Amino acid sequence: MTPDDILLEAEERMIKTEQVLVGEFAGVRTGKASPALVENVLVEVYGSQMRIRELAGITAPEPRMLVIQPWDLNSLHPIEKAIQKANLGLNPAVQGKIIRLVFPELSQERRQEFVKISKKMAEDARVAVRHIRRDAMDQLKKHAHDSGITEDQEKQAEKELQKLTDQYVAKIDAHLAGKEKEILTV
């Protein structure tokens, strides 16, 4: 493997880490209703685990309300139970063929809890990026001796890797700042 291949692989892994973080942030509740909050909740139905987004349409007709409309009426009550078990602080109300989720106004303490959760997610993502950097550094050192890469080329690749790491940590911090602002906006 050339240093460029190692850097490219590290960057791809860092991009995936960033995408996972953005997906996790979508599941953190803010002041308004978002289908992302419940779409990944697992439901025990048809003898297996399925996500709500695979079983129903999720819409937000009002800023603080979600409507879940199952495609199969037999999955209505399992979806309701799954939302209750997911511990999202929501109380699903079955009305005919749909489930309504009304989001109560968040207290300042609850908002602070969500900020803490978001900060932990961001820190986990930063740690993952640093692990990727460490793995790539190990590969660089290993391949430098095997393939006859000069010391200068190795040092240059390490500098590039550090720049890449700093870039993705900064992106993670930017996502966190945006999420914090979103959570704390009343």
N, C-alpha and C. Protein backbone atom coordinates (compact mmCIF):
# COMPACT_ATOMS: atom_id res chain seq x y z
N MET A 1 0.84 -1.20 0.00
CA MET A 1 0.00 0.00 0.00
C MET A 1 0.87 1.25 0.00
N THR A 2 0.50 2.20 -0.81
CA THR A 2 1.24 3.46 -0.84
C THR A 2 0.68 4.38 0.26
N PRO A 3 1.45 5.39 0.65
CA PRO A 3 0.95 6.34 1.65
C PRO A 3 -0.38 6.99 1.21
N ASP A 4 -0.51 7.25 -0.11
CA ASP A 4 -1.75 7.85 -0.61
C ASP A 4 -2.94 6.93 -0.38
N ASP A 5 -2.75 5.62 -0.60
CA ASP A 5 -3.82 4.65 -0.36
C ASP A 5 -4.23 4.64 1.10
N ILE A 6 -3.24 4.68 1.98
CA ILE A 6 -3.50 4.66 3.42
C ILE A 6 -4.28 5.92 3.82
N LEU A 7 -3.86 7.08 3.30
CA LEU A 7 -4.55 8.34 3.60
C LEU A 7 -5.98 8.33 3.07
N LEU A 8 -6.16 7.79 1.87
CA LEU A 8 -7.49 7.72 1.27
C LEU A 8 -8.42 6.84 2.09
N GLU A 9 -7.92 5.70 2.51
CA GLU A 9 -8.72 4.79 3.33
C GLU A 9 -9.08 5.44 4.67
N ALA A 10 -8.11 6.12 5.28
CA ALA A 10 -8.37 6.81 6.55
C ALA A 10 -9.44 7.89 6.36
N GLU A 11 -9.35 8.64 5.25
CA GLU A 11 -10.34 9.69 5.02
C GLU A 11 -11.74 9.11 4.82
N GLU A 12 -11.84 7.98 4.10
CA GLU A 12 -13.14 7.33 3.90
C GLU A 12 -13.74 6.92 5.24
N ARG A 13 -12.90 6.37 6.12
CA ARG A 13 -13.39 5.96 7.44
C ARG A 13 -13.82 7.18 8.27
N MET A 14 -13.10 8.28 8.15
CA MET A 14 -13.46 9.50 8.88
C MET A 14 -14.78 10.07 8.37
N ILE A 15 -14.99 10.00 7.06
CA ILE A 15 -16.26 10.47 6.48
C ILE A 15 -17.41 9.64 7.03
N LYS A 16 -17.23 8.32 7.10
CA LYS A 16 -18.28 7.45 7.64
C LYS A 16 -18.56 7.78 9.10
N THR A 17 -17.51 8.06 9.87
CA THR A 17 -17.68 8.42 11.28
C THR A 17 -18.52 9.69 11.39
N GLU A 18 -18.23 10.68 10.53
CA GLU A 18 -18.99 11.93 10.54
C GLU A 18 -20.46 11.68 10.19
N GLN A 19 -20.70 10.82 9.19
CA GLN A 19 -22.07 10.52 8.78
C GLN A 19 -22.84 9.81 9.90
N VAL A 20 -22.17 8.91 10.62
CA VAL A 20 -22.82 8.22 11.74
C VAL A 20 -23.22 9.24 12.81
N LEU A 21 -22.32 10.18 13.10
CA LEU A 21 -22.61 11.20 14.11
C LEU A 21 -23.82 12.03 13.70
N VAL A 22 -23.87 12.44 12.44
CA VAL A 22 -25.00 13.25 11.96
C VAL A 22 -26.30 12.45 12.12
N GLY A 23 -26.26 11.16 11.82
CA GLY A 23 -27.43 10.30 11.99
C GLY A 23 -27.85 10.18 13.45
N GLU A 24 -26.86 10.07 14.35
CA GLU A 24 -27.17 9.99 15.78
C GLU A 24 -27.77 11.30 16.27
N PHE A 25 -27.22 12.43 15.78
CA PHE A 25 -27.74 13.74 16.18
C PHE A 25 -29.20 13.90 15.74
N ALA A 26 -29.57 13.31 14.61
CA ALA A 26 -30.95 13.42 14.13
C ALA A 26 -31.91 12.78 15.12
N GLY A 27 -31.43 11.79 15.87
CA GLY A 27 -32.28 11.10 16.83
C GLY A 27 -32.38 11.80 18.18
N VAL A 28 -31.59 12.86 18.38
CA VAL A 28 -31.65 13.61 19.64
C VAL A 28 -32.75 14.65 19.52
N ARG A 29 -33.64 14.66 20.50
CA ARG A 29 -34.81 15.51 20.43
C ARG A 29 -34.48 16.99 20.62
N THR A 30 -35.12 17.80 19.83
CA THR A 30 -35.01 19.25 19.99
C THR A 30 -36.41 19.77 20.33
N GLY A 31 -36.61 21.06 20.24
CA GLY A 31 -37.91 21.63 20.57
C GLY A 31 -39.02 21.28 19.60
N LYS A 32 -38.67 20.84 18.40
CA LYS A 32 -39.70 20.55 17.42
C LYS A 32 -39.69 19.08 17.02
N ALA A 33 -40.80 18.62 16.48
CA ALA A 33 -40.95 17.22 16.10
C ALA A 33 -40.19 16.94 14.81
N SER A 34 -39.50 15.81 14.78
CA SER A 34 -38.79 15.39 13.58
C SER A 34 -38.97 13.88 13.41
N PRO A 35 -39.33 13.43 12.20
CA PRO A 35 -39.50 11.99 11.98
C PRO A 35 -38.25 11.18 12.33
N ALA A 36 -37.07 11.80 12.27
CA ALA A 36 -35.82 11.10 12.59
C ALA A 36 -35.78 10.62 14.04
N LEU A 37 -36.60 11.23 14.89
CA LEU A 37 -36.61 10.83 16.30
C LEU A 37 -37.14 9.42 16.52
N VAL A 38 -38.06 9.00 15.68
CA VAL A 38 -38.68 7.68 15.89
C VAL A 38 -38.44 6.70 14.75
N GLU A 39 -37.90 7.15 13.63
CA GLU A 39 -37.83 6.26 12.47
C GLU A 39 -36.94 5.04 12.68
N ASN A 40 -35.97 5.12 13.59
CA ASN A 40 -35.08 3.98 13.83
C ASN A 40 -35.46 3.14 15.04
N VAL A 41 -36.59 3.44 15.68
CA VAL A 41 -37.04 2.63 16.81
C VAL A 41 -37.40 1.24 16.28
N LEU A 42 -36.87 0.21 16.96
CA LEU A 42 -37.12 -1.16 16.52
C LEU A 42 -38.44 -1.68 17.06
N VAL A 43 -39.20 -2.34 16.19
CA VAL A 43 -40.52 -2.87 16.52
C VAL A 43 -40.49 -4.39 16.32
N GLU A 44 -41.00 -5.14 17.29
CA GLU A 44 -41.11 -6.60 17.18
C GLU A 44 -42.40 -6.90 16.42
N VAL A 45 -42.26 -7.27 15.14
CA VAL A 45 -43.43 -7.53 14.31
C VAL A 45 -43.07 -8.57 13.26
N TYR A 46 -44.02 -9.40 12.90
CA TYR A 46 -43.81 -10.47 11.91
C TYR A 46 -42.67 -11.41 12.32
N GLY A 47 -42.47 -11.57 13.63
CA GLY A 47 -41.44 -12.48 14.12
C GLY A 47 -40.02 -11.95 13.98
N SER A 48 -39.85 -10.66 13.71
CA SER A 48 -38.50 -10.10 13.62
C SER A 48 -38.51 -8.63 14.06
N GLN A 49 -37.33 -8.04 14.13
CA GLN A 49 -37.20 -6.63 14.50
C GLN A 49 -37.16 -5.79 13.22
N MET A 50 -38.02 -4.79 13.16
CA MET A 50 -38.03 -3.88 12.01
C MET A 50 -38.09 -2.44 12.52
N ARG A 51 -37.54 -1.51 11.74
CA ARG A 51 -37.60 -0.10 12.11
C ARG A 51 -38.98 0.46 11.74
N ILE A 52 -39.40 1.48 12.48
CA ILE A 52 -40.70 2.09 12.21
C ILE A 52 -40.77 2.61 10.78
N ARG A 53 -39.66 3.17 10.27
CA ARG A 53 -39.69 3.71 8.90
C ARG A 53 -39.96 2.64 7.85
N GLU A 54 -39.73 1.35 8.20
CA GLU A 54 -39.99 0.24 7.27
C GLU A 54 -41.44 -0.24 7.37
N LEU A 55 -42.14 0.22 8.43
CA LEU A 55 -43.50 -0.26 8.68
C LEU A 55 -44.58 0.79 8.47
N ALA A 56 -44.17 2.07 8.43
CA ALA A 56 -45.19 3.12 8.42
C ALA A 56 -44.66 4.40 7.81
N GLY A 57 -45.60 5.27 7.45
CA GLY A 57 -45.25 6.61 7.01
C GLY A 57 -45.22 7.52 8.23
N ILE A 58 -44.19 8.36 8.33
CA ILE A 58 -44.07 9.26 9.48
C ILE A 58 -44.10 10.69 8.96
N THR A 59 -45.05 11.48 9.45
CA THR A 59 -45.16 12.87 9.02
C THR A 59 -45.22 13.80 10.23
N ALA A 60 -44.90 15.06 10.00
CA ALA A 60 -44.96 16.08 11.05
C ALA A 60 -45.94 17.16 10.60
N PRO A 61 -47.25 16.97 10.84
CA PRO A 61 -48.24 17.95 10.38
C PRO A 61 -48.16 19.28 11.11
N GLU A 62 -47.65 19.25 12.35
CA GLU A 62 -47.49 20.47 13.15
C GLU A 62 -46.08 20.47 13.73
N PRO A 63 -45.58 21.62 14.16
CA PRO A 63 -44.21 21.68 14.67
C PRO A 63 -43.94 20.76 15.87
N ARG A 64 -44.97 20.48 16.68
CA ARG A 64 -44.74 19.65 17.86
C ARG A 64 -45.60 18.39 17.84
N MET A 65 -45.83 17.83 16.66
CA MET A 65 -46.62 16.60 16.56
C MET A 65 -46.11 15.74 15.41
N LEU A 66 -46.06 14.43 15.67
CA LEU A 66 -45.76 13.47 14.62
C LEU A 66 -46.97 12.56 14.44
N VAL A 67 -47.21 12.15 13.20
CA VAL A 67 -48.27 11.19 12.92
C VAL A 67 -47.61 9.99 12.24
N ILE A 68 -47.87 8.82 12.81
CA ILE A 68 -47.34 7.58 12.26
C ILE A 68 -48.51 6.79 11.70
N GLN A 69 -48.44 6.49 10.41
CA GLN A 69 -49.53 5.76 9.76
C GLN A 69 -48.98 4.44 9.23
N PRO A 70 -49.24 3.33 9.97
CA PRO A 70 -48.73 2.03 9.54
C PRO A 70 -49.38 1.59 8.23
N TRP A 71 -48.58 0.89 7.40
CA TRP A 71 -49.12 0.39 6.14
C TRP A 71 -49.97 -0.85 6.38
N ASP A 72 -49.67 -1.57 7.47
CA ASP A 72 -50.45 -2.74 7.85
C ASP A 72 -51.03 -2.47 9.23
N LEU A 73 -52.36 -2.50 9.36
CA LEU A 73 -53.00 -2.18 10.65
C LEU A 73 -52.57 -3.13 11.77
N ASN A 74 -52.13 -4.35 11.43
CA ASN A 74 -51.69 -5.31 12.46
C ASN A 74 -50.43 -4.82 13.18
N SER A 75 -49.70 -3.89 12.59
CA SER A 75 -48.48 -3.40 13.24
C SER A 75 -48.72 -2.14 14.07
N LEU A 76 -49.97 -1.67 14.15
CA LEU A 76 -50.30 -0.45 14.89
C LEU A 76 -49.92 -0.56 16.37
N HIS A 77 -50.40 -1.60 17.04
CA HIS A 77 -50.14 -1.73 18.48
C HIS A 77 -48.68 -2.10 18.78
N PRO A 78 -48.02 -2.97 17.98
CA PRO A 78 -46.59 -3.19 18.23
C PRO A 78 -45.75 -1.91 18.10
N ILE A 79 -46.12 -1.03 17.16
CA ILE A 79 -45.40 0.25 17.02
C ILE A 79 -45.61 1.10 18.27
N GLU A 80 -46.85 1.14 18.74
CA GLU A 80 -47.16 1.91 19.95
C GLU A 80 -46.32 1.41 21.12
N LYS A 81 -46.27 0.08 21.31
CA LYS A 81 -45.49 -0.50 22.42
C LYS A 81 -44.00 -0.19 22.27
N ALA A 82 -43.48 -0.25 21.05
CA ALA A 82 -42.06 0.00 20.82
C ALA A 82 -41.70 1.45 21.17
N ILE A 83 -42.59 2.39 20.85
CA ILE A 83 -42.33 3.80 21.16
C ILE A 83 -42.31 4.00 22.68
N GLN A 84 -43.24 3.32 23.37
CA GLN A 84 -43.26 3.43 24.83
C GLN A 84 -41.98 2.84 25.43
N LYS A 85 -41.52 1.70 24.91
CA LYS A 85 -40.31 1.06 25.43
C LYS A 85 -39.05 1.85 25.09
N ALA A 86 -39.07 2.64 24.02
CA ALA A 86 -37.88 3.37 23.56
C ALA A 86 -37.47 4.47 24.53
N ASN A 87 -38.32 4.78 25.50
CA ASN A 87 -38.00 5.75 26.54
C ASN A 87 -37.62 7.12 25.95
N LEU A 88 -38.46 7.60 25.04
CA LEU A 88 -38.22 8.90 24.41
C LEU A 88 -38.95 10.04 25.14
N GLY A 89 -39.68 9.69 26.17
CA GLY A 89 -40.44 10.71 26.89
C GLY A 89 -41.71 11.10 26.14
N LEU A 90 -42.18 10.19 25.28
CA LEU A 90 -43.38 10.46 24.48
C LEU A 90 -44.47 9.46 24.83
N ASN A 91 -45.71 9.92 24.74
CA ASN A 91 -46.84 9.05 25.02
C ASN A 91 -47.66 8.91 23.74
N PRO A 92 -47.53 7.76 23.04
CA PRO A 92 -48.27 7.60 21.79
C PRO A 92 -49.78 7.45 22.03
N ALA A 93 -50.56 8.09 21.18
CA ALA A 93 -52.02 8.01 21.28
C ALA A 93 -52.55 7.41 19.98
N VAL A 94 -53.19 6.23 20.10
CA VAL A 94 -53.76 5.58 18.92
C VAL A 94 -55.12 6.20 18.65
N GLN A 95 -55.30 6.66 17.40
CA GLN A 95 -56.58 7.25 17.00
C GLN A 95 -56.97 6.62 15.66
N GLY A 96 -57.77 5.58 15.76
CA GLY A 96 -58.20 4.89 14.55
C GLY A 96 -57.05 4.14 13.90
N LYS A 97 -56.65 4.59 12.70
CA LYS A 97 -55.60 3.91 11.95
C LYS A 97 -54.23 4.58 12.08
N ILE A 98 -54.12 5.58 12.94
CA ILE A 98 -52.86 6.31 13.09
C ILE A 98 -52.43 6.40 14.55
N ILE A 99 -51.17 6.73 14.74
CA ILE A 99 -50.63 7.00 16.08
C ILE A 99 -50.17 8.45 16.08
N ARG A 100 -50.64 9.20 17.08
CA ARG A 100 -50.22 10.60 17.22
C ARG A 100 -49.21 10.69 18.36
N LEU A 101 -48.14 11.44 18.11
CA LEU A 101 -47.15 11.72 19.15
C LEU A 101 -47.09 13.23 19.34
N VAL A 102 -47.52 13.69 20.50
CA VAL A 102 -47.48 15.12 20.79
C VAL A 102 -46.25 15.37 21.67
N PHE A 103 -45.42 16.30 21.25
CA PHE A 103 -44.19 16.60 21.96
C PHE A 103 -44.43 17.70 22.98
N PRO A 104 -44.24 17.40 24.26
CA PRO A 104 -44.40 18.45 25.27
C PRO A 104 -43.25 19.45 25.15
N GLU A 105 -43.48 20.64 25.65
CA GLU A 105 -42.43 21.65 25.66
C GLU A 105 -41.28 21.15 26.53
N LEU A 106 -40.04 21.32 26.06
CA LEU A 106 -38.88 20.86 26.82
C LEU A 106 -38.54 21.84 27.93
N SER A 107 -38.28 21.32 29.13
CA SER A 107 -37.82 22.17 30.21
C SER A 107 -36.34 22.48 29.99
N GLN A 108 -35.83 23.48 30.70
CA GLN A 108 -34.43 23.85 30.54
C GLN A 108 -33.52 22.71 30.99
N GLU A 109 -33.92 21.97 32.05
CA GLU A 109 -33.11 20.84 32.52
C GLU A 109 -33.04 19.75 31.46
N ARG A 110 -34.17 19.48 30.83
CA ARG A 110 -34.21 18.43 29.81
C ARG A 110 -33.36 18.84 28.60
N ARG A 111 -33.41 20.13 28.26
CA ARG A 111 -32.57 20.61 27.16
C ARG A 111 -31.09 20.40 27.49
N GLN A 112 -30.71 20.70 28.75
CA GLN A 112 -29.31 20.51 29.17
C GLN A 112 -28.92 19.04 29.10
N GLU A 113 -29.84 18.14 29.46
CA GLU A 113 -29.58 16.70 29.35
C GLU A 113 -29.30 16.32 27.90
N PHE A 114 -30.10 16.84 26.97
CA PHE A 114 -29.91 16.53 25.56
C PHE A 114 -28.58 17.10 25.05
N VAL A 115 -28.17 18.26 25.56
CA VAL A 115 -26.88 18.82 25.19
C VAL A 115 -25.76 17.89 25.67
N LYS A 116 -25.89 17.37 26.91
CA LYS A 116 -24.89 16.44 27.44
C LYS A 116 -24.79 15.19 26.58
N ILE A 117 -25.95 14.66 26.19
CA ILE A 117 -25.99 13.46 25.35
C ILE A 117 -25.29 13.76 24.02
N SER A 118 -25.57 14.91 23.44
CA SER A 118 -24.95 15.30 22.17
C SER A 118 -23.44 15.44 22.31
N LYS A 119 -22.99 16.02 23.43
CA LYS A 119 -21.56 16.18 23.65
C LYS A 119 -20.87 14.82 23.76
N LYS A 120 -21.54 13.86 24.40
CA LYS A 120 -20.96 12.52 24.53
C LYS A 120 -20.86 11.87 23.15
N MET A 121 -21.90 12.02 22.33
CA MET A 121 -21.86 11.47 20.96
C MET A 121 -20.70 12.07 20.17
N ALA A 122 -20.53 13.40 20.30
CA ALA A 122 -19.45 14.08 19.57
C ALA A 122 -18.09 13.60 20.07
N GLU A 123 -17.94 13.43 21.37
CA GLU A 123 -16.67 12.95 21.92
C GLU A 123 -16.37 11.53 21.42
N ASP A 124 -17.39 10.68 21.38
CA ASP A 124 -17.20 9.33 20.84
C ASP A 124 -16.74 9.38 19.38
N ALA A 125 -17.30 10.31 18.61
CA ALA A 125 -16.90 10.45 17.21
C ALA A 125 -15.45 10.95 17.10
N ARG A 126 -15.07 11.91 17.98
CA ARG A 126 -13.69 12.39 17.97
C ARG A 126 -12.72 11.25 18.29
N VAL A 127 -13.08 10.44 19.28
CA VAL A 127 -12.24 9.29 19.66
C VAL A 127 -12.12 8.32 18.48
N ALA A 128 -13.22 8.09 17.78
CA ALA A 128 -13.19 7.19 16.63
C ALA A 128 -12.25 7.74 15.54
N VAL A 129 -12.29 9.06 15.31
CA VAL A 129 -11.40 9.68 14.32
C VAL A 129 -9.94 9.50 14.75
N ARG A 130 -9.68 9.67 16.04
CA ARG A 130 -8.30 9.50 16.52
C ARG A 130 -7.83 8.05 16.39
N HIS A 131 -8.75 7.12 16.60
CA HIS A 131 -8.40 5.70 16.40
C HIS A 131 -8.05 5.44 14.94
N ILE A 132 -8.81 6.04 14.05
CA ILE A 132 -8.53 5.89 12.62
C ILE A 132 -7.14 6.44 12.32
N ARG A 133 -6.81 7.61 12.91
CA ARG A 133 -5.49 8.20 12.70
C ARG A 133 -4.40 7.26 13.21
N ARG A 134 -4.61 6.70 14.41
CA ARG A 134 -3.61 5.79 14.98
C ARG A 134 -3.40 4.56 14.09
N ASP A 135 -4.49 3.97 13.62
CA ASP A 135 -4.39 2.80 12.73
C ASP A 135 -3.63 3.15 11.45
N ALA A 136 -3.93 4.32 10.89
CA ALA A 136 -3.26 4.74 9.66
C ALA A 136 -1.77 4.99 9.92
N MET A 137 -1.44 5.59 11.05
CA MET A 137 -0.02 5.81 11.41
C MET A 137 0.71 4.48 11.51
N ASP A 138 0.07 3.51 12.17
CA ASP A 138 0.68 2.18 12.29
C ASP A 138 0.92 1.58 10.91
N GLN A 139 -0.06 1.71 10.02
CA GLN A 139 0.09 1.19 8.65
C GLN A 139 1.23 1.90 7.92
N LEU A 140 1.30 3.23 8.09
CA LEU A 140 2.37 3.99 7.44
C LEU A 140 3.75 3.50 7.89
N LYS A 141 3.91 3.34 9.20
CA LYS A 141 5.20 2.89 9.73
C LYS A 141 5.54 1.49 9.23
N LYS A 142 4.53 0.61 9.23
CA LYS A 142 4.74 -0.77 8.79
C LYS A 142 5.13 -0.82 7.31
N HIS A 143 4.40 -0.09 6.48
CA HIS A 143 4.64 -0.12 5.04
C HIS A 143 5.88 0.70 4.64
N ALA A 144 6.27 1.65 5.47
CA ALA A 144 7.46 2.45 5.17
C ALA A 144 8.69 1.55 5.13
N HIS A 145 8.77 0.61 6.04
CA HIS A 145 9.92 -0.28 6.09
C HIS A 145 9.83 -1.34 5.00
N ASP A 146 8.62 -1.80 4.68
CA ASP A 146 8.45 -2.87 3.70
C ASP A 146 8.66 -2.39 2.27
N SER A 147 8.12 -1.23 1.92
CA SER A 147 8.11 -0.83 0.51
C SER A 147 9.16 0.22 0.16
N GLY A 148 10.05 0.52 1.08
CA GLY A 148 11.15 1.44 0.76
C GLY A 148 10.75 2.89 0.60
N ILE A 149 9.77 3.34 1.33
CA ILE A 149 9.37 4.75 1.30
C ILE A 149 10.44 5.54 2.08
N THR A 150 10.82 6.68 1.58
CA THR A 150 11.84 7.48 2.28
C THR A 150 11.24 8.08 3.55
N GLU A 151 12.13 8.48 4.45
CA GLU A 151 11.69 9.09 5.70
C GLU A 151 10.90 10.37 5.45
N ASP A 152 11.36 11.13 4.47
CA ASP A 152 10.67 12.39 4.14
C ASP A 152 9.24 12.13 3.68
N GLN A 153 9.07 11.11 2.85
CA GLN A 153 7.72 10.76 2.36
C GLN A 153 6.84 10.30 3.54
N GLU A 154 7.44 9.54 4.44
CA GLU A 154 6.69 9.06 5.61
C GLU A 154 6.25 10.24 6.48
N LYS A 155 7.18 11.17 6.74
CA LYS A 155 6.86 12.35 7.57
C LYS A 155 5.79 13.21 6.90
N GLN A 156 5.89 13.36 5.58
CA GLN A 156 4.90 14.15 4.84
C GLN A 156 3.52 13.49 4.95
N ALA A 157 3.47 12.17 4.82
CA ALA A 157 2.20 11.44 4.93
C ALA A 157 1.63 11.59 6.34
N GLU A 158 2.48 11.56 7.36
CA GLU A 158 2.02 11.73 8.74
C GLU A 158 1.44 13.13 8.94
N LYS A 159 2.09 14.14 8.34
CA LYS A 159 1.56 15.52 8.43
C LYS A 159 0.19 15.62 7.76
N GLU A 160 0.06 15.00 6.59
CA GLU A 160 -1.22 15.00 5.87
C GLU A 160 -2.31 14.32 6.71
N LEU A 161 -1.93 13.21 7.34
CA LEU A 161 -2.87 12.47 8.18
C LEU A 161 -3.33 13.32 9.36
N GLN A 162 -2.38 14.05 9.97
CA GLN A 162 -2.73 14.92 11.09
C GLN A 162 -3.66 16.04 10.63
N LYS A 163 -3.40 16.61 9.44
CA LYS A 163 -4.26 17.66 8.89
C LYS A 163 -5.68 17.12 8.69
N LEU A 164 -5.76 15.91 8.15
CA LEU A 164 -7.05 15.26 7.91
C LEU A 164 -7.80 15.06 9.23
N THR A 165 -7.07 14.59 10.24
CA THR A 165 -7.67 14.36 11.56
C THR A 165 -8.21 15.67 12.12
N ASP A 166 -7.39 16.72 12.07
CA ASP A 166 -7.82 18.03 12.59
C ASP A 166 -9.05 18.53 11.85
N GLN A 167 -9.09 18.31 10.54
CA GLN A 167 -10.21 18.75 9.71
C GLN A 167 -11.51 18.05 10.15
N TYR A 168 -11.45 16.73 10.37
CA TYR A 168 -12.66 16.01 10.74
C TYR A 168 -13.08 16.27 12.18
N VAL A 169 -12.12 16.51 13.08
CA VAL A 169 -12.47 16.89 14.45
C VAL A 169 -13.18 18.25 14.42
N ALA A 170 -12.71 19.16 13.58
CA ALA A 170 -13.35 20.48 13.45
C ALA A 170 -14.78 20.33 12.91
N LYS A 171 -14.97 19.43 11.93
CA LYS A 171 -16.32 19.20 11.39
C LYS A 171 -17.25 18.66 12.48
N ILE A 172 -16.73 17.74 13.29
CA ILE A 172 -17.52 17.18 14.39
C ILE A 172 -17.91 18.28 15.36
N ASP A 173 -16.95 19.15 15.69
CA ASP A 173 -17.23 20.27 16.59
C ASP A 173 -18.29 21.21 16.01
N ALA A 174 -18.23 21.43 14.69
CA ALA A 174 -19.22 22.29 14.04
C ALA A 174 -20.62 21.66 14.10
N HIS A 175 -20.69 20.34 13.87
CA HIS A 175 -21.99 19.65 13.97
C HIS A 175 -22.53 19.77 15.40
N LEU A 176 -21.64 19.61 16.39
CA LEU A 176 -22.05 19.70 17.79
C LEU A 176 -22.57 21.10 18.11
N ALA A 177 -21.87 22.12 17.66
CA ALA A 177 -22.29 23.50 17.93
C ALA A 177 -23.68 23.75 17.33
N GLY A 178 -23.90 23.27 16.11
CA GLY A 178 -25.21 23.44 15.47
C GLY A 178 -26.30 22.71 16.24
N LYS A 179 -26.01 21.50 16.69
CA LYS A 179 -27.01 20.72 17.43
C LYS A 179 -27.31 21.37 18.77
N GLU A 180 -26.26 21.85 19.46
CA GLU A 180 -26.46 22.54 20.75
C GLU A 180 -27.39 23.74 20.56
N LYS A 181 -27.11 24.54 19.53
CA LYS A 181 -27.93 25.72 19.27
C LYS A 181 -29.38 25.32 19.01
N GLU A 182 -29.55 24.25 18.22
CA GLU A 182 -30.90 23.75 17.89
C GLU A 182 -31.65 23.29 19.15
N ILE A 183 -30.94 22.60 20.04
CA ILE A 183 -31.56 22.09 21.27
C ILE A 183 -31.94 23.23 22.19
N LEU A 184 -31.06 24.20 22.34
CA LEU A 184 -31.27 25.28 23.32
C LEU A 184 -32.20 26.38 22.82
N THR A 185 -32.53 26.37 21.51
CA THR A 185 -33.45 27.38 20.98
C THR A 185 -34.86 27.07 21.47
N VAL A 186 -35.47 28.06 22.13
CA VAL A 186 -36.82 27.83 22.67
C VAL A 186 -37.84 28.25 21.66
